[in-house]
Protein backbone atom coordinates (compact mmCIF):
# COMPACT_ATOMS: atom_id res chain seq x y z
CA MET A 1 -13.84 71.34 6.00
CA SER A 2 -17.07 69.70 5.44
CA ILE A 3 -17.18 67.71 2.28
CA ARG A 4 -19.84 65.25 3.01
CA SER A 5 -19.29 63.14 -0.06
CA ARG A 6 -20.77 59.81 -0.72
CA THR A 7 -18.43 56.96 -0.59
CA VAL A 8 -18.27 53.43 -1.46
CA LEU A 9 -17.62 52.60 2.11
CA ALA A 10 -20.74 51.36 0.92
CA LEU A 11 -19.10 48.32 0.08
CA SER A 12 -18.64 48.25 3.58
CA ALA A 13 -22.07 47.22 3.35
CA VAL A 14 -20.60 44.27 2.03
CA LEU A 15 -19.19 43.96 5.33
CA ALA A 16 -22.39 43.30 6.71
CA ILE A 17 -22.68 39.95 6.82
CA ALA A 18 -22.71 37.32 9.04
CA ALA A 19 -21.66 34.25 7.56
CA ALA A 20 -18.43 33.55 5.92
CA ALA A 21 -16.79 32.85 9.17
CA PRO A 22 -19.25 32.79 12.02
CA SER A 23 -17.52 32.82 15.35
CA ALA A 24 -17.86 34.23 18.81
CA HIS A 25 -16.75 37.80 19.39
CA ALA A 26 -13.06 38.31 19.93
CA VAL A 27 -11.74 37.83 23.44
CA GLY A 28 -9.02 39.99 24.92
CA GLY A 29 -8.48 43.74 24.90
CA SER A 30 -8.49 46.73 22.54
CA GLY A 31 -4.74 47.30 22.31
CA GLY A 32 -2.68 46.90 19.17
CA THR A 33 -4.22 47.05 15.69
CA PRO A 34 -6.80 44.81 13.97
CA PHE A 35 -5.64 41.86 11.86
CA SER A 36 -7.10 39.03 9.82
CA ILE A 37 -5.12 36.03 8.59
CA GLN A 38 -6.73 33.16 6.70
CA CYS A 39 -6.12 30.39 4.18
CA SER A 40 -7.60 30.78 0.71
CA ALA A 41 -10.54 28.74 -0.53
CA SER A 42 -8.26 26.19 -2.23
CA GLU A 43 -5.97 25.73 0.80
CA ASP A 44 -6.22 23.86 4.10
CA LEU A 45 -4.93 25.13 7.43
CA THR A 46 -2.17 22.64 8.23
CA GLN A 47 -0.35 24.28 11.13
CA ILE A 48 -0.87 26.80 13.93
CA ILE A 49 2.17 28.66 15.22
CA VAL A 50 2.22 30.23 18.68
CA ARG A 51 4.92 32.40 20.22
CA ALA A 52 4.57 32.47 23.99
CA GLY A 53 6.42 33.12 27.21
CA SER A 54 4.48 34.38 30.21
CA ARG A 55 1.78 35.54 27.78
CA ILE A 56 0.90 34.96 24.12
CA ASP A 57 3.23 37.00 21.95
CA ALA A 58 2.02 35.99 18.48
CA ILE A 59 -0.30 33.69 16.53
CA GLY A 60 0.31 32.32 13.05
CA ILE A 61 -0.98 29.81 10.51
CA GLU A 62 0.40 27.73 7.65
CA CYS A 63 -1.78 27.05 4.58
CA ARG A 64 -1.24 24.37 1.95
CA GLY A 65 -3.07 23.74 -1.30
CA PRO A 66 -2.37 22.24 -4.72
CA GLY A 67 1.07 23.65 -5.48
CA SER A 68 0.83 26.43 -2.85
CA PHE A 69 2.20 27.15 0.62
CA HIS A 70 1.73 30.33 2.68
CA ARG A 71 2.57 31.35 6.25
CA TYR A 72 1.08 34.32 8.13
CA THR A 73 1.96 35.57 11.63
CA GLN A 74 0.60 38.43 13.77
CA GLY A 75 2.15 39.77 16.99
CA GLY A 76 5.64 40.24 18.38
CA ASN A 77 8.87 38.27 18.46
CA GLY A 78 8.98 37.55 22.18
CA GLY A 79 8.69 34.17 23.85
CA SER A 80 9.43 30.80 22.25
CA ARG A 81 8.06 29.44 18.99
CA HIS A 82 5.73 26.41 19.11
CA GLU A 83 4.04 24.39 16.36
CA VAL A 84 0.65 23.23 17.62
CA LEU A 85 -0.57 20.55 15.20
CA GLU A 86 0.81 17.16 14.36
CA GLU A 87 0.15 15.54 11.00
CA SER A 88 -3.55 14.99 10.19
CA GLU A 89 -4.78 16.76 13.32
CA ARG A 90 -7.78 19.08 13.16
CA VAL A 91 -8.68 21.72 15.73
CA LYS A 92 -12.08 21.22 17.33
CA GLU A 93 -11.78 23.60 20.29
CA ILE A 94 -9.67 26.59 21.34
CA ARG A 95 -9.31 27.26 25.04
CA GLY A 96 -7.46 29.94 26.92
CA PHE A 97 -7.32 32.80 29.38
CA ALA A 98 -7.66 36.51 28.59
CA GLY A 99 -7.36 39.49 30.90
CA THR A 100 -4.68 41.59 32.54
CA CYS A 101 -2.37 38.57 32.87
CA LYS A 102 -1.67 39.47 36.50
CA LYS A 103 0.48 42.57 36.01
CA LYS A 104 -0.53 44.26 32.74
CA LYS A 105 -2.73 47.36 32.72
CA SER A 106 -4.68 46.45 29.57
CA PRO A 107 -6.37 43.10 28.79
CA ARG A 108 -4.74 40.69 26.33
CA VAL A 109 -4.47 36.97 25.62
CA CYS A 110 -2.62 35.27 28.47
CA ALA A 111 -2.69 31.60 27.45
CA LEU A 112 -3.93 29.27 24.68
CA ARG A 113 -4.57 25.55 24.39
CA PHE A 114 -6.05 23.54 21.52
CA ALA A 115 -8.30 20.49 21.60
CA VAL A 116 -7.59 18.37 18.53
CA GLU A 117 -8.80 15.24 16.76
CA GLY A 118 -7.14 12.98 14.21
CA ALA A 119 -4.31 11.68 16.39
CA ALA A 120 -3.77 9.82 19.65
CA ARG A 121 -3.77 12.89 21.89
CA SER A 122 -6.76 15.13 22.54
CA LEU A 123 -5.11 18.30 23.90
CA SER A 124 -2.07 20.34 22.96
CA PRO A 125 0.22 21.72 25.66
CA GLN A 126 -0.80 25.07 27.15
CA TYR A 127 1.07 28.03 25.70
CA GLY A 128 1.50 30.98 28.05
CA ASN A 129 1.05 30.94 31.81
CA TYR A 130 -2.28 31.18 33.57
CA ALA A 131 -2.38 34.44 35.54
CA SER A 132 -4.74 35.91 38.11
CA GLY A 133 -6.86 38.72 36.70
CA SER A 134 -7.71 36.57 33.67
CA ASP A 135 -10.94 34.87 32.57
CA ASP A 136 -11.12 31.53 30.79
CA PHE A 137 -12.74 31.21 27.36
CA THR A 138 -13.60 28.41 24.94
CA PHE A 139 -14.31 28.53 21.20
CA LYS A 140 -16.00 25.33 19.97
CA ILE A 141 -15.76 24.49 16.26
CA PRO A 142 -18.80 22.48 15.03
CA ASP A 143 -18.21 19.12 13.33
CA ASN A 144 -19.46 20.46 9.99
CA ARG A 145 -17.06 23.43 10.02
CA GLU A 146 -13.29 23.87 9.95
CA LEU A 147 -10.82 26.45 11.20
CA PHE A 148 -9.19 28.43 8.39
CA GLY A 149 -7.71 31.47 10.14
CA PHE A 150 -7.86 34.01 12.94
CA ALA A 151 -8.87 37.63 13.42
CA GLY A 152 -8.12 39.88 16.38
CA ARG A 153 -5.73 42.61 17.50
CA SER A 154 -1.98 42.55 17.98
CA GLY A 155 1.04 44.70 18.68
CA LYS A 156 4.09 43.40 20.49
CA GLU A 157 1.79 40.76 21.97
CA LEU A 158 -1.53 39.15 21.04
CA ASP A 159 -4.17 41.55 22.35
CA ALA A 160 -7.34 39.80 21.13
CA ILE A 161 -8.29 36.71 19.15
CA GLU A 162 -11.29 35.09 17.46
CA PRO A 163 -11.35 32.02 15.18
CA LEU A 164 -12.49 32.15 11.55
CA THR A 165 -14.39 29.04 10.43
CA ARG A 166 -16.01 27.83 7.22
CA PRO A 167 -18.12 24.83 6.15
CA ARG A 168 -16.20 21.62 5.52
CA ASN A 169 -16.40 20.33 1.96
CA GLN A 170 -18.52 17.19 2.15
CA GLY A 171 -18.66 16.17 -1.51
CA ASN A 172 -20.66 19.13 -2.85
CA GLN A 173 -20.16 20.41 -6.38
CA ARG A 174 -17.42 23.05 -6.59
CA ARG A 175 -17.05 25.85 -9.14
CA SER A 176 -14.39 28.49 -9.75
CA ILE A 177 -15.57 31.76 -11.33
CA ASP A 178 -14.01 35.13 -12.13
CA VAL A 179 -14.27 37.62 -9.25
CA GLY A 180 -14.09 40.71 -11.51
CA PRO A 181 -17.86 41.18 -12.10
CA PHE A 182 -18.48 41.02 -8.35
CA VAL A 183 -15.94 43.77 -7.64
CA GLN A 184 -17.48 45.97 -10.35
CA ALA A 185 -21.05 45.38 -9.21
CA LEU A 186 -20.27 46.08 -5.58
CA ASN A 187 -18.55 49.35 -6.45
CA VAL A 188 -21.65 50.47 -8.36
CA ALA A 189 -24.22 49.19 -5.88
CA LEU A 190 -22.56 50.64 -2.81
CA GLY A 191 -21.77 54.11 -4.07
CA GLY A 192 -24.22 55.95 -1.82
CA THR A 193 -22.50 55.58 1.54
CA ASP A 194 -21.76 58.57 3.77
CA VAL A 195 -19.29 58.55 6.68
CA ARG A 196 -18.63 61.41 9.07
CA LEU A 197 -16.37 61.68 12.13
CA SER A 198 -17.14 64.76 14.22
CA ASN A 199 -17.70 65.63 17.88
CA ARG A 200 -16.78 69.32 18.25
CA GLY A 201 -19.60 71.67 19.20
CA GLU A 202 -20.12 74.84 21.23
CA ARG A 203 -18.59 75.07 24.69
CA HIS A 204 -20.83 74.05 27.56
CA GLY A 205 -19.13 74.21 30.94
CA ASN A 206 -15.67 72.74 30.48
CA SER A 207 -16.45 70.76 27.35
CA TRP A 208 -17.01 71.24 23.62
CA LEU A 209 -18.37 67.71 23.10
CA ARG A 210 -21.29 67.39 20.67
CA GLU A 211 -22.98 64.02 20.98
CA ASP A 212 -24.32 61.91 18.09
CA ASP A 213 -22.56 64.10 15.51
CA SER A 214 -20.82 61.19 13.75
CA TRP A 215 -22.50 58.64 11.52
CA VAL A 216 -22.21 55.85 9.01
CA SER A 217 -24.99 55.68 6.39
CA LEU A 218 -25.34 52.93 3.80
CA PHE A 219 -28.07 50.98 2.01
CA GLY A 220 -30.71 53.17 3.66
CA ALA A 221 -29.45 52.42 7.18
CA THR A 222 -27.86 55.14 9.30
CA ARG A 223 -26.11 54.73 12.63
CA ARG A 224 -25.24 57.89 14.56
CA PHE A 225 -22.73 57.70 17.38
CA THR A 226 -20.64 59.82 19.73
CA LEU A 227 -16.89 59.92 19.37
CA PRO A 228 -15.12 60.19 22.74
CA GLU A 229 -13.71 63.43 24.06
CA LYS A 230 -10.12 63.37 25.26
CA SER A 231 -9.60 65.70 28.19
CA VAL A 232 -6.45 65.62 30.30
CA ARG A 233 -4.89 68.11 32.65
CA ARG A 234 -1.25 68.80 31.93
CA ARG A 235 1.09 67.24 34.43
CA ASN A 236 2.02 69.83 37.09
CA GLY A 237 0.32 72.49 35.00
CA LEU A 238 -2.68 74.80 35.01
CA TYR A 239 -4.19 73.87 31.66
CA ARG A 240 -6.61 71.13 30.64
CA HIS A 241 -6.31 69.97 27.04
CA PHE A 242 -9.18 68.74 24.85
CA PHE A 243 -9.13 67.13 21.39
CA TYR A 244 -12.08 66.82 19.00
CA ALA A 245 -12.73 65.47 15.50
CA ASN A 246 -13.42 68.55 13.41
CA ASP A 247 -15.99 67.57 10.74
CA VAL A 248 -14.02 64.84 8.94
CA ASN A 249 -15.97 63.37 6.01
CA SER A 250 -15.44 60.54 3.55
CA THR A 251 -14.56 61.32 -0.04
CA LYS A 252 -14.20 58.08 -2.01
CA ALA A 253 -13.65 54.35 -1.66
CA ASP A 254 -12.05 51.62 -3.74
CA VAL A 255 -12.70 47.89 -3.66
CA ALA A 256 -9.98 45.41 -4.59
CA THR A 257 -8.94 41.87 -3.76
CA ASN A 258 -5.86 40.41 -2.19
CA ARG A 259 -5.09 36.71 -2.29
CA ASN A 260 -8.03 35.52 -0.18
CA ALA A 261 -10.24 38.48 0.73
CA PHE A 262 -11.85 41.63 -0.60
CA VAL A 263 -10.38 44.87 0.73
CA LEU A 264 -12.42 48.05 0.91
CA ARG A 265 -10.44 51.27 1.37
CA VAL A 266 -12.47 54.34 2.30
CA ASN A 267 -10.57 57.62 2.06
CA PHE A 268 -11.34 60.75 4.07
CA GLU A 269 -10.66 64.39 3.26
CA GLU A 270 -7.36 65.94 4.34
CA SER A 271 -8.06 69.65 3.83
CA GLY A 272 -8.11 71.93 6.85
CA THR A 273 -7.74 70.87 10.47
CA GLU A 274 -9.06 67.37 11.13
CA ILE A 275 -8.38 67.38 14.88
CA LYS A 276 -9.09 70.51 16.92
CA GLY A 277 -7.19 71.15 20.15
CA LEU A 278 -8.81 73.37 22.80
CA CYS A 279 -8.04 74.19 26.43
CA ARG A 280 -9.34 75.53 29.73
CA TYR A 281 -7.31 77.35 32.41
CA LYS A 282 -7.44 76.35 36.07
CA ARG A 283 -7.97 79.35 38.35
CA PRO A 284 -6.54 79.55 41.90
CA SER A 285 -10.08 78.97 43.18
CA GLY A 286 -10.09 75.56 41.53
CA SER A 287 -12.59 76.41 38.79
CA TYR A 288 -11.67 76.58 35.10
CA GLY A 289 -11.76 79.61 32.82
CA GLN A 290 -10.57 80.81 29.43
CA CYS A 291 -7.02 80.03 28.33
CA PRO A 292 -4.79 82.77 26.91
CA GLY A 293 -5.26 83.33 23.18
CA ALA A 294 -7.19 85.31 20.62
CA ASN A 295 -10.04 82.83 20.40
CA GLU A 296 -11.71 81.13 23.31
CA GLY A 297 -10.21 77.74 23.97
CA ASP A 298 -7.35 77.97 21.47
CA GLY A 299 -4.84 78.91 24.16
CA ASN A 300 -1.77 76.69 24.14
CA THR A 301 -3.28 73.45 22.88
CA PRO A 302 -2.25 72.89 19.24
CA ASP A 303 -4.47 71.45 16.53
CA ALA A 304 -3.51 68.28 14.68
CA ASN A 305 -3.57 67.14 11.10
CA TRP A 306 -4.58 63.60 10.17
CA SER A 307 -2.38 62.48 7.29
CA GLN A 308 -3.62 59.81 4.85
CA PRO A 309 -6.84 59.16 6.79
CA ARG A 310 -8.70 56.09 5.63
CA LEU A 311 -10.73 53.10 6.67
CA ASP A 312 -9.55 49.63 5.57
CA ILE A 313 -12.04 46.79 5.76
CA THR A 314 -11.22 43.13 5.13
CA LEU A 315 -14.23 41.32 3.68
CA LEU A 316 -14.49 37.53 3.55
CA PRO A 317 -16.95 35.87 1.14
CA GLY A 318 -19.47 33.64 2.87
CA VAL A 319 -22.95 32.20 2.65
CA ARG A 320 -26.20 33.13 4.40
CA GLY A 321 -29.42 31.35 3.46
CA GLY A 322 -27.80 29.98 0.31
CA ASP A 323 -26.80 33.48 -0.90
CA LEU A 324 -23.32 34.91 -1.37
CA VAL A 325 -22.68 37.58 1.25
CA PHE A 326 -19.62 38.94 3.07
CA SER A 327 -18.33 39.29 6.62
CA ALA A 328 -15.96 41.85 8.11
CA SER A 329 -12.98 40.08 9.61
CA SER A 330 -11.22 43.36 10.44
CA VAL A 331 -12.03 47.07 10.34
CA HIS A 332 -9.00 49.32 10.63
CA VAL A 333 -8.87 53.12 10.86
CA ARG A 334 -5.50 54.19 9.44
CA GLY A 335 -3.40 57.34 9.17
CA ASP A 336 -1.20 59.41 11.48
CA PHE A 337 -1.96 62.41 13.66
CA LYS A 338 0.65 65.18 13.68
CA LEU A 339 0.48 68.19 15.98
CA ASN A 340 1.03 71.51 14.23
CA GLY A 341 2.72 73.13 17.21
CA PRO A 342 4.50 72.37 20.52
CA CYS A 343 2.59 71.70 23.70
CA GLY A 344 4.31 71.78 27.05
CA SER A 345 7.73 70.49 28.01
CA GLY A 346 8.63 67.25 26.26
CA ASN A 347 5.80 67.80 23.76
CA GLU A 348 3.31 66.65 26.37
CA CYS A 349 0.24 66.88 24.12
CA LYS A 350 1.64 64.31 21.73
CA ARG A 351 1.23 61.63 24.39
CA LEU A 352 -2.26 62.81 25.25
CA LEU A 353 -3.30 62.85 21.60
CA GLY A 354 -1.95 59.35 21.12
CA ASP A 355 -4.27 58.02 23.83
CA TRP A 356 -7.28 59.75 22.28
CA GLU A 357 -6.34 58.59 18.79
CA ALA A 358 -6.75 54.98 19.94
CA GLN A 359 -10.18 55.76 21.43
CA LEU A 360 -11.33 57.42 18.20
CA LYS A 361 -10.24 54.44 16.12
CA ASP A 362 -11.91 51.91 18.43
CA SER A 363 -15.22 53.82 18.37
CA ALA A 364 -15.30 54.13 14.59
CA GLU A 365 -14.34 50.50 14.03
CA GLN A 366 -17.05 49.19 16.35
CA VAL A 367 -19.83 51.25 14.74
CA VAL A 368 -18.84 50.18 11.24
CA ARG A 369 -18.92 46.52 12.22
CA ASP A 370 -22.30 46.93 13.95
CA ILE A 371 -24.05 48.58 11.03
CA LEU A 372 -22.63 46.08 8.57
CA ASN A 373 -24.24 43.26 10.51
CA LEU A 374 -27.77 44.61 10.08
CA GLN A 375 -30.16 42.21 8.37
CA SER A 376 -31.15 44.90 5.85
CA VAL A 377 -27.53 45.19 4.73
CA ARG A 378 -27.21 41.41 4.39
CA ASP A 379 -30.34 41.34 2.25
CA ALA A 380 -28.97 44.13 0.05
CA GLU A 381 -25.74 42.19 -0.50
CA ALA A 382 -27.66 39.12 -1.58
CA ARG A 383 -29.64 41.21 -4.09
CA VAL A 384 -26.34 42.31 -5.64
CA THR A 385 -24.76 38.85 -5.88
CA ARG A 386 -27.75 36.71 -6.99
CA PRO A 387 -27.86 38.02 -10.61
CA LEU A 388 -24.10 37.52 -10.96
CA LEU A 389 -24.35 33.92 -9.78
CA ARG A 390 -27.22 33.22 -12.19
CA ALA A 391 -25.18 34.75 -15.03
CA ALA A 392 -22.40 32.30 -14.15
CA GLY A 393 -24.89 29.41 -14.38
CA ILE A 394 -25.23 28.84 -10.60
CA SER A 395 -28.82 28.73 -9.39
CA ALA A 396 -28.57 26.15 -6.59
CA PRO A 397 -28.23 27.41 -3.00
CA LEU A 398 -24.58 27.90 -2.01
CA VAL A 399 -22.97 25.88 0.77
CA SER A 400 -19.68 27.76 1.06
CA ALA A 401 -17.71 30.52 -0.64
CA GLY A 402 -14.11 31.65 -0.59
CA LEU A 403 -11.62 33.68 -2.59
CA ASP A 404 -8.35 32.54 -4.14
CA GLY A 405 -6.68 35.37 -6.02
CA SER A 406 -8.88 36.37 -8.96
CA ARG A 407 -11.25 33.40 -8.56
CA LEU A 408 -14.28 32.86 -6.35
CA ILE A 409 -14.46 29.25 -5.17
CA LEU A 410 -18.10 28.22 -4.60
CA THR A 411 -19.64 24.94 -3.43
CA TYR A 412 -23.33 24.13 -3.81
């Protein structure tokens, strides 16, 4: 199962960029799944919604524009609902605490508070309770920028958060142009990308881990990395189970738009066994040896299939050095792992595989974001977008860029 096709994860190149919504890195933990919520280029963020009890359960925004209203929320339904902003207020600082929130095993967002301007007060109430085991953080929003959304991770609670900001419109000329040529050009320009997820090699000792056997390659830049090995001894048992990515390669990618962002979907092959399960047997002496089975390591650890494997990347238009570029507000590895056989009482391996699945996704997401922030990738994006802007009659340096449905909204 090695198809090493080129892919337009290339457009992930598009991801590269730094600028649409510069912000500090997310604070919090790696639980939940990535999200990105933001107002479109023709809308203003008019309200922030927080659900909180002991910790932050959810974050949301309301967006208003000429004849439009949208509300987006990420997280769970616990806690109480709070509206943060009063009329005409603008967020200038986001403060909070992130960590284990005293009694949780994994880090998350414990509390939030917002510094505002435009009304008599300067601080909102604090949402969520401060807890030991948490560190304070502050995101400052410069005077010439405005908050227009959030990215982060969420599940039943808010696991991580970072603000998305954009330049404030200060009387610059604004144009609306068709986004179609940009989608077409990016699909053509970024068709040479190669993505591989693999870490299974020959056995050495009690491991089959092959390092640096995964990579992302686009626009002439390649980043190799090591996917983690998941190795866990069965509870009250004599076997140690291992799971490895088994030469999973990208096949194709499609670029589209939603209401306010580009979305790049990179598909991976599904033929054969994507996840290989292997095992070692614990001898009475305490050392490990070969498990029962026809082939070394196969024993009683089942393989797994990865159904509908893909990489979804949310790309926000932005500006760097006057050029139109893009930033990755979320990178999400999707699909489900399904064991092709039982493993222990209570299907024990399913729980072990679930833990490793999260590690695999986190590793892949981080590498994709890193390579897409290389300066060479940003430069390549600008080379793609400059001719399209000139064709639309825009030669002046851009100040800001955003997407609203099928239209790019540009100020210069």
